[in-house]
Protein backbone atom coordinates (compact mmCIF):
# COMPACT_ATOMS: atom_id res chain seq x y z
CA MET A 1 -0.06 -6.71 15.18
CA ASN A 2 -0.06 -3.80 17.64
CA PRO A 3 2.74 -1.35 16.74
CA LEU A 4 2.98 -0.12 20.31
CA GLN A 5 3.07 -3.52 21.92
CA PRO A 6 5.25 -3.49 25.05
CA SER A 7 8.58 -5.18 24.57
CA ALA A 8 10.01 -7.73 27.00
CA ASN A 9 11.39 -4.93 29.18
CA GLY A 10 8.01 -3.16 29.32
CA HIS A 11 8.86 -0.29 26.95
CA ASN A 12 6.75 0.50 23.92
CA SER A 13 8.20 0.30 20.45
CA MET A 14 6.63 1.05 17.10
CA TRP A 15 8.99 -1.47 15.54
CA SER A 16 8.04 -5.09 15.55
CA GLU A 17 11.08 -7.30 15.10
CA SER A 18 11.00 -10.58 13.24
CA VAL A 19 11.96 -13.50 15.43
CA LEU A 20 13.28 -16.76 14.08
CA THR A 21 12.42 -20.14 15.55
CA GLY A 22 14.29 -20.57 18.80
CA GLY A 23 13.92 -16.90 19.78
CA THR A 24 16.79 -15.54 17.66
CA VAL A 25 16.12 -11.95 16.60
CA ARG A 26 16.48 -11.30 12.89
CA PRO A 27 17.26 -7.57 12.67
CA ALA A 28 17.14 -7.56 8.87
CA ILE A 29 13.43 -6.71 8.45
CA LEU A 30 11.53 -4.50 10.89
CA GLN A 31 7.82 -3.70 10.73
CA LEU A 32 6.53 -0.17 11.40
CA ARG A 33 2.87 0.76 11.34
CA MET A 34 1.48 4.27 11.48
CA ASP A 35 -2.28 4.07 11.94
CA THR A 36 -3.01 7.80 12.00
CA GLU A 37 -1.65 10.99 10.50
CA HIS A 38 -0.92 12.15 14.06
CA GLU A 39 1.35 9.12 14.68
CA LEU A 40 3.10 9.78 11.38
CA TYR A 41 3.55 13.47 12.22
CA GLN A 42 5.03 12.54 15.60
CA ALA A 43 7.62 10.33 13.91
CA TYR A 44 8.46 12.12 10.65
CA ILE A 45 11.84 13.88 10.51
CA SER A 46 11.47 16.70 8.00
CA VAL A 47 14.87 18.26 8.77
CA PHE A 48 16.64 15.41 6.97
CA THR A 49 16.94 16.27 3.27
CA GLU A 50 16.19 12.63 2.46
CA GLY A 51 13.41 12.42 5.05
CA GLY A 52 13.38 10.07 7.99
CA LEU A 53 11.46 8.63 10.91
CA PHE A 54 11.91 8.66 14.64
CA ILE A 55 11.53 5.12 15.93
CA GLN A 56 10.53 4.80 19.56
CA THR A 57 12.49 1.84 20.91
CA SER A 58 14.51 0.73 23.89
CA ARG A 59 16.72 -1.46 21.69
CA GLU A 60 20.29 -0.19 21.49
CA TYR A 61 21.60 0.96 18.12
CA GLN A 62 24.77 2.77 17.12
CA LEU A 63 25.02 5.84 14.89
CA GLY A 64 25.36 4.66 11.30
CA ASP A 65 23.63 1.29 11.85
CA GLU A 66 21.73 0.34 8.71
CA LEU A 67 18.09 -0.65 9.25
CA PHE A 68 15.65 -2.28 6.87
CA GLY A 69 11.91 -2.35 7.33
CA LEU A 70 8.41 -2.19 5.98
CA LEU A 71 6.23 0.83 6.74
CA SER A 72 2.45 0.93 6.73
CA LEU A 73 1.07 4.46 6.31
CA PRO A 74 -2.36 5.72 7.37
CA GLN A 75 -5.12 4.87 4.89
CA ASP A 76 -2.67 2.96 2.68
CA LYS A 77 -2.84 -0.84 2.67
CA LYS A 78 0.54 -1.19 0.95
CA ARG A 79 3.67 -1.76 3.02
CA HIS A 80 6.52 0.45 1.83
CA PRO A 81 10.16 -0.62 2.06
CA VAL A 82 12.33 1.49 4.35
CA ILE A 83 16.11 1.56 4.18
CA GLY A 84 18.12 3.98 6.23
CA HIS A 85 20.81 4.65 8.77
CA VAL A 86 20.59 5.63 12.43
CA ALA A 87 21.37 9.36 12.42
CA TRP A 88 20.63 10.19 16.03
CA ILE A 89 19.87 8.50 19.31
CA THR A 90 17.61 9.79 22.07
CA PRO A 91 18.65 8.00 25.27
CA ALA A 92 16.34 6.83 28.03
CA ASN A 93 15.45 9.61 30.48
CA SER A 94 16.43 12.30 27.98
CA PRO A 95 16.66 15.78 29.52
CA THR A 96 14.39 17.02 26.69
CA GLY A 97 11.61 14.72 27.89
CA ARG A 98 11.38 13.11 24.46
CA PRO A 99 10.89 9.34 24.24
CA GLN A 100 13.81 6.94 23.91
CA GLY A 101 14.58 5.87 20.36
CA VAL A 102 16.51 6.47 17.17
CA GLY A 103 16.26 8.81 14.20
CA LEU A 104 16.40 6.89 10.95
CA ARG A 105 17.60 8.86 7.89
CA PHE A 106 16.24 7.45 4.62
CA THR A 107 18.66 6.59 1.84
CA ALA A 108 19.23 9.28 -0.80
CA ASP A 109 18.06 7.11 -3.66
CA GLU A 110 14.83 6.82 -5.64
CA ARG A 111 13.26 4.51 -3.05
CA GLY A 112 14.03 6.86 -0.15
CA LEU A 113 12.85 9.95 -2.00
CA SER A 114 9.64 8.17 -3.06
CA LEU A 115 8.92 7.25 0.56
CA LYS A 116 9.58 10.84 1.64
CA GLU A 117 7.07 12.08 -0.95
CA ARG A 118 4.44 9.54 0.15
CA ILE A 119 4.83 10.55 3.79
CA GLU A 120 4.67 14.26 3.04
CA THR A 121 1.56 13.71 0.90
CA ALA A 122 -0.07 11.70 3.70
CA LEU A 123 0.74 14.45 6.22
CA GLY A 124 -0.70 17.20 4.03
CA PRO A 125 -1.25 20.39 6.04
CA LEU A 126 0.14 18.79 9.23
CA LEU A 127 3.59 18.99 7.65
CA GLY A 128 3.80 22.74 8.26
CA SER A 129 2.38 22.50 11.77
CA LYS A 130 4.31 23.93 14.70
CA ARG A 131 3.02 21.20 17.02
CA ILE A 132 5.63 19.46 19.11
CA ASN A 133 6.60 15.99 17.95
CA HIS A 134 9.13 13.28 18.88
CA THR A 135 11.84 14.78 16.69
CA VAL A 136 13.13 18.36 16.56
C-alpha cells in the first residue's frame, strides 16, 4: 500500500482509510506508514509533551476529533497503535506554505508515551535538527 497514494480529489495523504463493502468509510482505524527517517522527521511533532504526528490529508477534521490508527516506522516491521486527538489544522493554501493536514497529539498514557519513545529513538540525531519540517 502506497502511503502517499492520491486520494479521490487528487491530493496526497499518508493516511490510508479503511473502506467497508459498499464504499462506506470506516474512520475507526487509519493506516500510516513512514518508510524513511526523513518522512518521520517531517511528520513528528516534538513540541507536544505527549508527542504527535502531522498527517498530510485533505480530509476535514475538527479540533478535538479522536483518531485511531496503526503506524509503521522505518526499519520496524511491527505496526504500532496510535490514539490521539486533532490538536491543530493546517488548511489548504496555508499562508505558511506548509501542506494541508492535521496535527495529531498522542494520548498521555503508557501507549502514547511508548510510541513517542519509539519515534524519538528511530529519529536519533535528526531529532535535534533545525531542518524545516511539516510542523513547527
